[in-house]
Amino acid sequence: MTRLFTPFTAGLIGWSVLRMPGSRLACGAEGGEAFAMTDDERTDEPRTPRRGLRGHVKAHAAPLTGVAIASLLGAAASFVFQILSARYLAPVDFGLLAAFLVIVNVAAIGSAALQNTVVVHTASSDPNAASDTRRGRRWPVDAVTIGLSGALVVCVLSPWLAQALDTGAWVLIVAAATVPFSFVFADAVGLLQGSGRVGAAIWWSTGTQVARVAAVLAVIAVGAGLGGVIGSVLATLILAAAGATWTARRIRRPSSGVFTVTGLVIITLTVAFTWLTGADVFFLRAAGPAELTGAYASVVVLVKGAFLLPSTLSLYLLPRFVRNRDNPKLLRLGVAVTLGASLATSVLMILVFAVAGQWLVPLLFGSAYTDAISLLIPISVAYMPWMAAQGMLIKMTSSASPAGAIFTVAVVIVQGAFFALVAPNVEAMLIGLFVLGVLLLSAFLVLDAMRTRRTVSRR
């Protein structure tokens, strides 16, 4: 179990770290005017020069670099937590920790969907309009409701989950306790991101990962064992949820919540896309030998490290896309930058793996994973369109595109049927993964172009 869970769990944690923060900017009056701020808002966003690509780059390079640095630090801290835990715990105990983290990371997927919904609603609302806010609902009612419901589901299913994950019931009970705090934390970070508090949003999420590393070091120092490691995850999450909620306490809560058409569309997009970029490991684990699954999953962890770029752009661009829905010129620029940067990163990743893959895999995962070296290039190529599609997912989320959600769910169905048919044939799975990624990316581009034309026609 340990060898199968370790790389996959690391990838899921890395993903959950990166699905955070951004900021909100007001819409420019002209096609070339960018992202002006209102005078009565306290944000850490730059005032962009009125015209020219050079002005955009100059104004946004520094804050975007800050977001990237924070994201890198959070991803590194997550990886260090995995390494420290693996070296400290015995293989059996680490298997139990992996089972615990499976529940935590499933909750992270749902909380990321909630966060995106809160970002879009907050960035769309007028901060000065009393009618656009929930004056009587300062508490994160949606987050608490969904979180407690998720915890209840885990508790009810704990006997079956304990058998399926080969773990003890107490591990699942603690995992269930993390679910409500995960959603409350996501709600607070979404408010910060959508209202323009980009620094507070990103550093709360990154600080949580760094605090987790500090906590596990303390656990190792006192010899608290598996219970201490699991307890450190829960404790840091509780503190983070409380701190982020306090930081966001003065932000007006938008009138729209999760249980709206927009909210359901965003949740569908987020959850479906997350499944699409992780289903290959799931189906291979279900149908393939343990050694092949472990080798494949270890490469996926490395490849998904390159998803840091579209994830970072999502943190920074999502509220901007929401605020500038009716500014096609700026949106086209954002889409072009996202696609270009994502594809360039994919090519660079393939080149790095071609040159350094022989020693990179053994260095990071040990000599037992040498069989994974031959999978580096094929998996990297198969994930290329998905990296670009994740960049376009920012645009689909900002507009809460129902058609985008429908296409994404359709691809989920096709992918599931195809993988069930061909697994564990890795070559066929990778070809299907590449083709489906191209199809979904093409659908996103067509839908975006159609929406842009409608916007221009209205103007």
Protein backbone atom coordinates (compact mmCIF):
# COMPACT_ATOMS: atom_id res chain seq x y z
CA MET A 1 0.00 0.00 0.00
CA THR A 2 2.77 2.44 0.89
CA ARG A 3 4.40 2.32 -2.51
CA LEU A 4 1.10 2.89 -4.26
CA PHE A 5 -0.14 5.71 -2.08
CA THR A 6 3.04 7.71 -1.57
CA PRO A 7 3.50 9.34 -5.00
CA PHE A 8 -0.20 9.71 -5.69
CA THR A 9 -0.84 11.30 -2.30
CA ALA A 10 2.02 13.73 -2.82
CA GLY A 11 0.51 14.79 -6.12
CA LEU A 12 -2.92 15.33 -4.58
CA ILE A 13 -1.48 17.42 -1.73
CA GLY A 14 0.53 19.49 -4.19
CA TRP A 15 -2.62 20.11 -6.18
CA SER A 16 -4.58 21.20 -3.12
CA VAL A 17 -1.83 23.65 -2.17
CA LEU A 18 -1.95 25.26 -5.57
CA ARG A 19 -5.72 25.69 -5.79
CA MET A 20 -5.70 28.95 -3.85
CA PRO A 21 -5.70 32.79 -3.93
CA GLY A 22 -5.91 35.63 -6.46
CA SER A 23 -7.36 39.10 -6.39
CA ARG A 24 -10.10 41.40 -7.63
CA LEU A 25 -9.77 44.38 -9.96
CA ALA A 26 -12.36 46.73 -11.39
CA CYS A 27 -13.14 46.87 -15.06
CA GLY A 28 -11.41 49.36 -17.37
CA ALA A 29 -13.57 51.79 -19.27
CA GLU A 30 -11.92 51.33 -22.63
CA GLY A 31 -10.65 48.27 -24.50
CA GLY A 32 -7.03 49.16 -23.73
CA GLU A 33 -7.61 50.38 -20.18
CA ALA A 34 -6.73 47.82 -17.55
CA PHE A 35 -7.88 46.87 -14.12
CA ALA A 36 -8.35 50.21 -12.33
CA MET A 37 -9.12 50.03 -8.60
CA THR A 38 -11.73 51.87 -6.65
CA ASP A 39 -10.34 54.38 -4.15
CA ASP A 40 -12.23 53.03 -1.17
CA GLU A 41 -10.91 49.46 -1.45
CA ARG A 42 -7.85 48.28 0.42
CA THR A 43 -6.12 45.80 -1.86
CA ASP A 44 -2.56 44.88 -2.60
CA GLU A 45 -3.11 45.11 -6.35
CA PRO A 46 -1.18 47.38 -8.71
CA ARG A 47 -2.75 50.22 -10.64
CA THR A 48 -2.05 49.22 -14.22
CA PRO A 49 -1.09 51.79 -16.86
CA ARG A 50 -3.90 52.57 -19.22
CA ARG A 51 -2.52 51.27 -22.50
CA GLY A 52 -0.06 48.83 -23.99
CA LEU A 53 1.18 45.32 -23.41
CA ARG A 54 4.35 46.68 -21.86
CA GLY A 55 2.29 48.51 -19.26
CA HIS A 56 0.43 45.31 -18.38
CA VAL A 57 3.67 43.37 -17.98
CA LYS A 58 5.31 46.09 -15.91
CA ALA A 59 2.34 46.49 -13.57
CA HIS A 60 1.57 42.83 -12.97
CA ALA A 61 4.98 41.14 -13.13
CA ALA A 62 5.90 41.88 -9.50
CA PRO A 63 2.64 40.74 -7.82
CA LEU A 64 2.40 37.68 -10.07
CA THR A 65 5.98 36.79 -9.15
CA GLY A 66 5.02 37.06 -5.48
CA VAL A 67 2.13 34.66 -5.99
CA ALA A 68 4.44 32.23 -7.84
CA ILE A 69 7.02 32.34 -5.05
CA ALA A 70 4.37 31.66 -2.42
CA SER A 71 2.97 28.78 -4.50
CA LEU A 72 6.44 27.26 -4.92
CA LEU A 73 7.06 27.54 -1.20
CA GLY A 74 3.75 25.85 -0.41
CA ALA A 75 4.37 23.03 -2.88
CA ALA A 76 7.89 22.52 -1.50
CA ALA A 77 6.56 22.45 2.07
CA SER A 78 3.97 19.84 1.09
CA PHE A 79 6.66 17.68 -0.48
CA VAL A 80 8.91 18.05 2.57
CA PHE A 81 6.03 16.99 4.82
CA GLN A 82 5.68 13.81 2.76
CA ILE A 83 9.40 13.04 2.88
CA LEU A 84 9.69 13.69 6.64
CA SER A 85 6.64 11.57 7.39
CA ALA A 86 7.84 8.71 5.18
CA ARG A 87 11.28 8.65 6.79
CA TYR A 88 9.92 8.93 10.32
CA LEU A 89 7.09 6.39 10.19
CA ALA A 90 7.36 2.67 9.63
CA PRO A 91 5.90 1.45 6.30
CA VAL A 92 2.74 0.16 8.00
CA ASP A 93 2.15 3.46 9.81
CA PHE A 94 2.86 5.45 6.68
CA GLY A 95 0.24 3.38 4.89
CA LEU A 96 -2.27 4.47 7.55
CA LEU A 97 -1.19 8.09 7.09
CA ALA A 98 -1.69 7.71 3.34
CA ALA A 99 -5.23 6.43 3.93
CA PHE A 100 -5.88 9.44 6.17
CA LEU A 101 -4.57 11.80 3.48
CA VAL A 102 -6.83 10.23 0.86
CA ILE A 103 -9.84 11.56 2.78
CA VAL A 104 -8.16 14.92 3.38
CA ASN A 105 -7.40 15.32 -0.32
CA VAL A 106 -10.89 14.35 -1.46
CA ALA A 107 -12.16 17.09 0.84
CA ALA A 108 -9.59 19.43 -0.73
CA ILE A 109 -11.16 18.86 -4.14
CA GLY A 110 -14.60 19.82 -2.84
CA SER A 111 -13.30 22.79 -0.88
CA ALA A 112 -11.44 24.04 -3.97
CA ALA A 113 -14.74 23.99 -5.85
CA LEU A 114 -16.35 25.95 -3.03
CA GLN A 115 -13.48 28.42 -3.04
CA ASN A 116 -13.80 29.07 -6.77
CA THR A 117 -17.52 29.71 -6.32
CA VAL A 118 -16.89 32.18 -3.50
CA VAL A 119 -14.22 33.94 -5.60
CA VAL A 120 -16.54 34.38 -8.58
CA HIS A 121 -19.49 35.60 -6.49
CA THR A 122 -17.33 37.97 -4.43
CA ALA A 123 -15.54 39.42 -7.44
CA SER A 124 -18.86 39.85 -9.26
CA SER A 125 -20.57 41.71 -6.43
CA ASP A 126 -20.59 45.45 -5.91
CA PRO A 127 -18.71 46.10 -2.62
CA ASN A 128 -20.69 49.33 -2.08
CA ALA A 129 -24.17 47.89 -2.66
CA ALA A 130 -25.90 46.81 0.55
CA SER A 131 -28.47 44.83 -1.40
CA ASP A 132 -25.70 42.68 -2.87
CA THR A 133 -24.53 41.29 0.44
CA ARG A 134 -25.83 39.00 3.14
CA ARG A 135 -25.99 41.45 6.04
CA GLY A 136 -27.60 38.87 8.29
CA ARG A 137 -25.26 36.03 7.36
CA ARG A 138 -21.69 36.80 8.37
CA TRP A 139 -20.95 33.16 9.06
CA PRO A 140 -19.89 30.71 6.31
CA VAL A 141 -23.19 28.85 6.36
CA ASP A 142 -22.64 27.06 3.03
CA ALA A 143 -19.14 25.95 3.99
CA VAL A 144 -20.22 24.67 7.40
CA THR A 145 -23.25 22.88 5.94
CA ILE A 146 -21.26 21.11 3.22
CA GLY A 147 -18.35 20.39 5.55
CA LEU A 148 -20.47 18.82 8.26
CA SER A 149 -22.37 16.81 5.66
CA GLY A 150 -19.08 15.50 4.26
CA ALA A 151 -17.84 14.60 7.73
CA LEU A 152 -21.08 12.74 8.41
CA VAL A 153 -20.73 10.78 5.17
CA VAL A 154 -17.17 9.74 6.09
CA CYS A 155 -18.29 8.63 9.54
CA VAL A 156 -21.22 6.61 8.14
CA LEU A 157 -18.99 4.96 5.53
CA SER A 158 -16.07 4.45 7.92
CA PRO A 159 -16.54 0.66 8.28
CA TRP A 160 -16.40 0.18 4.50
CA LEU A 161 -13.66 2.78 4.03
CA ALA A 162 -11.55 1.20 6.78
CA GLN A 163 -11.64 -2.08 4.92
CA ALA A 164 -11.09 -0.56 1.49
CA LEU A 165 -8.17 1.60 2.62
CA ASP A 166 -6.81 -1.01 5.01
CA THR A 167 -6.81 1.37 7.95
CA GLY A 168 -8.26 1.78 11.44
CA ALA A 169 -11.57 3.45 12.21
CA TRP A 170 -9.89 6.10 14.40
CA VAL A 171 -7.90 7.34 11.42
CA LEU A 172 -11.12 7.90 9.47
CA ILE A 173 -12.78 9.66 12.40
CA VAL A 174 -9.92 12.16 12.60
CA ALA A 175 -10.02 12.53 8.81
CA ALA A 176 -13.76 13.29 9.03
CA ALA A 177 -13.00 15.99 11.61
CA THR A 178 -10.76 17.80 9.09
CA VAL A 179 -13.51 18.11 6.46
CA PRO A 180 -15.55 21.00 7.96
CA PHE A 181 -12.41 23.03 8.70
CA SER A 182 -11.18 22.46 5.14
CA PHE A 183 -14.39 24.02 3.76
CA VAL A 184 -14.39 26.92 6.24
CA PHE A 185 -10.78 27.67 5.31
CA ALA A 186 -11.61 27.56 1.58
CA ASP A 187 -14.54 29.95 2.13
CA ALA A 188 -12.32 32.49 3.91
CA VAL A 189 -9.56 32.26 1.31
CA GLY A 190 -12.14 32.64 -1.46
CA LEU A 191 -13.44 35.85 0.15
CA LEU A 192 -9.90 37.20 0.40
CA GLN A 193 -9.10 36.24 -3.18
CA GLY A 194 -12.30 37.62 -4.63
CA SER A 195 -12.06 40.92 -2.73
CA GLY A 196 -8.50 41.68 -3.83
CA ARG A 197 -6.53 40.55 -0.76
CA VAL A 198 -4.19 38.44 -2.87
CA GLY A 199 -1.29 38.55 -0.42
CA ALA A 200 -3.37 37.45 2.56
CA ALA A 201 -5.03 34.69 0.54
CA ILE A 202 -1.90 33.08 -0.85
CA TRP A 203 0.14 33.38 2.32
CA TRP A 204 -2.55 31.84 4.49
CA SER A 205 -2.58 28.73 2.30
CA THR A 206 1.21 28.61 2.00
CA GLY A 207 1.67 29.33 5.70
CA THR A 208 -0.56 26.35 6.51
CA GLN A 209 1.77 24.02 4.62
CA VAL A 210 4.86 25.51 6.26
CA ALA A 211 3.24 25.21 9.70
CA ARG A 212 2.49 21.57 8.95
CA VAL A 213 6.19 20.94 8.34
CA ALA A 214 7.09 22.69 11.60
CA ALA A 215 4.48 20.64 13.43
CA VAL A 216 5.74 17.31 12.07
CA LEU A 217 9.29 18.26 13.06
CA ALA A 218 8.00 18.83 16.59
CA VAL A 219 6.23 15.46 16.47
CA ILE A 220 9.47 13.77 15.42
CA ALA A 221 11.37 15.55 18.19
CA VAL A 222 9.05 14.31 20.94
CA GLY A 223 8.44 10.91 19.32
CA ALA A 224 4.65 11.23 19.13
CA GLY A 225 4.39 8.66 16.32
CA LEU A 226 1.55 8.27 13.83
CA GLY A 227 -1.02 9.88 16.12
CA GLY A 228 1.15 12.97 16.41
CA VAL A 229 1.59 13.29 12.64
CA ILE A 230 -2.14 12.95 11.98
CA GLY A 231 -2.93 15.30 14.86
CA SER A 232 -0.54 17.90 13.47
CA VAL A 233 -2.49 17.95 10.20
CA LEU A 234 -5.77 18.51 12.02
CA ALA A 235 -4.32 21.13 14.39
CA THR A 236 -2.71 23.24 11.66
CA LEU A 237 -5.92 23.12 9.60
CA ILE A 238 -8.01 24.30 12.57
CA LEU A 239 -5.62 27.18 13.24
CA ALA A 240 -5.54 28.12 9.56
CA ALA A 241 -9.34 28.10 9.29
CA ALA A 242 -9.66 30.31 12.37
CA GLY A 243 -6.94 32.71 11.24
CA ALA A 244 -8.16 33.07 7.66
CA THR A 245 -11.76 33.57 8.83
CA TRP A 246 -10.62 36.31 11.20
CA THR A 247 -8.62 38.00 8.42
CA ALA A 248 -11.67 37.95 6.12
CA ARG A 249 -14.17 39.01 8.80
CA ARG A 250 -14.74 42.53 7.36
CA ILE A 251 -15.28 41.40 3.78
CA ARG A 252 -18.91 41.65 2.65
CA ARG A 253 -20.33 38.25 1.86
CA PRO A 254 -22.03 38.15 -1.57
CA SER A 255 -25.74 37.44 -1.74
CA SER A 256 -25.24 34.42 -4.00
CA GLY A 257 -23.97 31.20 -2.48
CA VAL A 258 -22.97 27.74 -3.56
CA PHE A 259 -26.53 26.50 -4.09
CA THR A 260 -27.16 28.52 -7.24
CA VAL A 261 -26.82 27.72 -10.93
CA THR A 262 -23.50 29.55 -11.05
CA GLY A 263 -22.25 27.74 -7.96
CA LEU A 264 -23.25 24.33 -9.26
CA VAL A 265 -21.62 24.99 -12.64
CA ILE A 266 -18.34 26.02 -11.00
CA ILE A 267 -18.38 23.02 -8.68
CA THR A 268 -19.03 20.72 -11.63
CA LEU A 269 -16.17 22.23 -13.63
CA THR A 270 -13.70 21.99 -10.75
CA VAL A 271 -14.54 18.48 -9.57
CA ALA A 272 -14.89 17.01 -13.08
CA PHE A 273 -11.60 18.49 -14.29
CA THR A 274 -9.79 17.29 -11.17
CA TRP A 275 -11.09 13.79 -11.78
CA LEU A 276 -10.05 13.90 -15.44
CA THR A 277 -6.44 14.64 -14.49
CA GLY A 278 -6.30 11.89 -11.85
CA ALA A 279 -8.46 9.10 -13.22
CA ASP A 280 -5.58 7.48 -15.09
CA VAL A 281 -3.85 6.53 -11.83
CA PHE A 282 -7.13 5.31 -10.36
CA PHE A 283 -7.97 3.00 -13.27
CA LEU A 284 -4.40 1.73 -13.55
CA ARG A 285 -4.37 0.97 -9.82
CA ALA A 286 -7.64 -0.95 -10.16
CA ALA A 287 -6.53 -3.05 -13.15
CA GLY A 288 -2.73 -3.09 -13.18
CA PRO A 289 0.05 -4.66 -11.12
CA ALA A 290 1.30 -2.79 -8.06
CA GLU A 291 4.77 -2.17 -9.48
CA LEU A 292 3.42 -0.60 -12.67
CA THR A 293 0.99 1.61 -10.75
CA GLY A 294 3.72 2.84 -8.43
CA ALA A 295 6.06 3.68 -11.32
CA TYR A 296 3.30 5.44 -13.25
CA ALA A 297 2.11 7.42 -10.22
CA SER A 298 5.64 8.59 -9.41
CA VAL A 299 5.99 10.07 -12.91
CA VAL A 300 2.57 11.71 -12.66
CA VAL A 301 3.75 13.49 -9.50
CA LEU A 302 6.71 14.96 -11.39
CA VAL A 303 4.63 15.91 -14.43
CA LYS A 304 1.96 17.58 -12.32
CA GLY A 305 4.67 19.73 -10.78
CA ALA A 306 4.57 21.66 -14.05
CA PHE A 307 0.88 22.39 -13.40
CA LEU A 308 2.20 24.97 -10.95
CA LEU A 309 2.17 27.54 -13.76
CA PRO A 310 -1.52 27.35 -14.78
CA SER A 311 -2.41 26.98 -11.11
CA THR A 312 -0.49 30.16 -10.25
CA LEU A 313 -2.10 31.99 -13.15
CA SER A 314 -5.48 30.83 -11.88
CA LEU A 315 -4.79 32.35 -8.47
CA TYR A 316 -3.97 35.67 -10.06
CA LEU A 317 -6.27 35.81 -13.09
CA LEU A 318 -9.59 34.32 -11.97
CA PRO A 319 -10.91 37.45 -10.19
CA ARG A 320 -9.60 39.62 -13.03
CA PHE A 321 -11.45 37.58 -15.61
CA VAL A 322 -14.62 37.93 -13.53
CA ARG A 323 -14.25 41.71 -13.20
CA ASN A 324 -13.50 42.14 -16.92
CA ARG A 325 -16.11 39.86 -18.45
CA ASP A 326 -17.20 42.63 -20.82
CA ASN A 327 -13.70 43.63 -21.92
CA PRO A 328 -12.85 41.22 -24.78
CA LYS A 329 -9.47 42.81 -25.51
CA LEU A 330 -8.14 42.20 -22.02
CA LEU A 331 -9.64 38.73 -21.86
CA ARG A 332 -8.04 37.74 -25.16
CA LEU A 333 -4.70 38.94 -23.81
CA GLY A 334 -5.16 36.88 -20.64
CA VAL A 335 -6.10 33.77 -22.62
CA ALA A 336 -3.13 34.18 -24.98
CA VAL A 337 -0.69 34.57 -22.10
CA THR A 338 -2.12 31.57 -20.26
CA LEU A 339 -2.03 29.26 -23.29
CA GLY A 340 1.41 30.40 -24.42
CA ALA A 341 2.96 30.03 -20.98
CA SER A 342 1.35 26.62 -20.41
CA LEU A 343 2.50 25.18 -23.72
CA ALA A 344 6.01 26.62 -23.32
CA THR A 345 6.22 25.05 -19.86
CA SER A 346 5.13 21.68 -21.28
CA VAL A 347 7.85 21.76 -23.92
CA LEU A 348 10.46 22.79 -21.35
CA MET A 349 9.36 19.99 -19.03
CA ILE A 350 9.76 17.41 -21.79
CA LEU A 351 13.25 18.70 -22.60
CA VAL A 352 14.29 18.57 -18.94
CA PHE A 353 13.03 15.00 -18.57
CA ALA A 354 14.78 13.97 -21.79
CA VAL A 355 18.10 15.29 -20.47
CA ALA A 356 17.88 14.67 -16.72
CA GLY A 357 15.25 11.95 -16.33
CA GLN A 358 17.84 9.19 -15.92
CA TRP A 359 18.96 10.52 -12.54
CA LEU A 360 15.94 12.62 -11.49
CA VAL A 361 13.57 9.72 -10.76
CA PRO A 362 16.05 7.62 -8.69
CA LEU A 363 17.12 10.74 -6.81
CA LEU A 364 13.60 11.68 -5.76
CA PHE A 365 11.92 8.30 -5.34
CA GLY A 366 14.77 5.82 -4.92
CA SER A 367 16.20 2.98 -6.98
CA ALA A 368 12.95 1.00 -6.73
CA TYR A 369 11.38 3.42 -9.23
CA THR A 370 13.92 3.09 -12.06
CA ASP A 371 11.24 1.49 -14.26
CA ALA A 372 9.45 4.85 -14.22
CA ILE A 373 12.18 6.51 -16.30
CA SER A 374 10.81 5.11 -19.57
CA LEU A 375 7.40 6.62 -18.78
CA LEU A 376 8.62 10.21 -18.32
CA ILE A 377 8.36 11.43 -21.92
CA PRO A 378 5.14 9.57 -22.89
CA ILE A 379 3.28 10.80 -19.80
CA SER A 380 4.62 14.34 -20.26
CA VAL A 381 3.34 14.44 -23.85
CA ALA A 382 -0.04 12.99 -22.84
CA TYR A 383 -0.49 15.73 -20.22
CA MET A 384 0.45 18.63 -22.53
CA PRO A 385 -3.11 19.48 -23.64
CA TRP A 386 -4.35 19.11 -20.07
CA MET A 387 -1.97 21.76 -18.84
CA ALA A 388 -3.29 24.16 -21.48
CA ALA A 389 -6.86 23.09 -20.71
CA GLN A 390 -6.32 23.93 -17.04
CA GLY A 391 -5.33 27.41 -18.14
CA MET A 392 -8.57 27.70 -20.13
CA LEU A 393 -10.47 26.35 -17.14
CA ILE A 394 -9.82 29.73 -15.52
CA LYS A 395 -11.90 31.36 -18.25
CA MET A 396 -14.67 28.75 -18.08
CA THR A 397 -14.86 29.19 -14.31
CA SER A 398 -14.91 32.98 -14.45
CA SER A 399 -17.91 32.92 -16.79
CA ALA A 400 -19.52 29.92 -15.04
CA SER A 401 -20.00 28.35 -18.46
CA PRO A 402 -22.80 25.73 -18.42
CA ALA A 403 -21.68 24.47 -21.83
CA GLY A 404 -18.12 24.12 -20.52
CA ALA A 405 -19.40 22.07 -17.58
CA ILE A 406 -21.47 19.85 -19.90
CA PHE A 407 -18.49 19.17 -22.18
CA THR A 408 -16.28 18.41 -19.18
CA VAL A 409 -18.76 15.91 -17.75
CA ALA A 410 -19.13 14.32 -21.20
CA VAL A 411 -15.35 13.84 -21.37
CA VAL A 412 -15.44 12.29 -17.87
CA ILE A 413 -17.94 9.69 -19.13
CA VAL A 414 -15.97 8.93 -22.29
CA GLN A 415 -12.69 8.75 -20.41
CA GLY A 416 -14.12 6.39 -17.80
CA ALA A 417 -15.52 4.03 -20.42
CA PHE A 418 -12.28 4.07 -22.43
CA PHE A 419 -9.98 3.50 -19.44
CA ALA A 420 -12.19 0.68 -18.15
CA LEU A 421 -11.84 -0.97 -21.57
CA VAL A 422 -8.07 -0.63 -22.13
CA ALA A 423 -6.50 -0.57 -18.63
CA PRO A 424 -3.81 -1.64 -17.77
CA ASN A 425 -2.49 -1.01 -21.30
CA VAL A 426 -0.46 2.12 -20.51
CA GLU A 427 0.24 3.01 -24.14
CA ALA A 428 -3.46 2.97 -25.05
CA MET A 429 -4.37 4.91 -21.90
CA LEU A 430 -1.84 7.65 -22.69
CA ILE A 431 -3.04 7.97 -26.29
CA GLY A 432 -6.61 8.28 -25.06
CA LEU A 433 -5.56 10.79 -22.40
CA PHE A 434 -3.84 12.97 -25.02
CA VAL A 435 -6.75 12.83 -27.49
CA LEU A 436 -9.36 13.63 -24.84
CA GLY A 437 -7.22 16.51 -23.58
CA VAL A 438 -7.05 17.98 -27.07
CA LEU A 439 -10.82 17.60 -27.49
CA LEU A 440 -11.62 19.32 -24.19
CA LEU A 441 -9.13 22.12 -24.86
CA SER A 442 -10.66 22.64 -28.31
CA ALA A 443 -14.16 22.76 -26.82
CA PHE A 444 -13.04 25.37 -24.27
CA LEU A 445 -11.47 27.51 -27.01
CA VAL A 446 -14.56 27.32 -29.23
CA LEU A 447 -16.89 28.19 -26.35
CA ASP A 448 -14.67 31.10 -25.34
CA ALA A 449 -14.58 32.43 -28.91
CA MET A 450 -18.36 32.22 -29.18
CA ARG A 451 -18.84 34.09 -25.92
CA THR A 452 -16.37 36.77 -27.01
CA ARG A 453 -18.25 37.29 -30.27
CA ARG A 454 -21.51 37.67 -28.36
CA THR A 455 -19.92 40.23 -26.05
CA VAL A 456 -18.58 42.25 -29.00
CA SER A 457 -21.97 42.11 -30.71
CA ARG A 458 -23.72 43.48 -27.62
CA ARG A 459 -21.24 46.34 -27.40
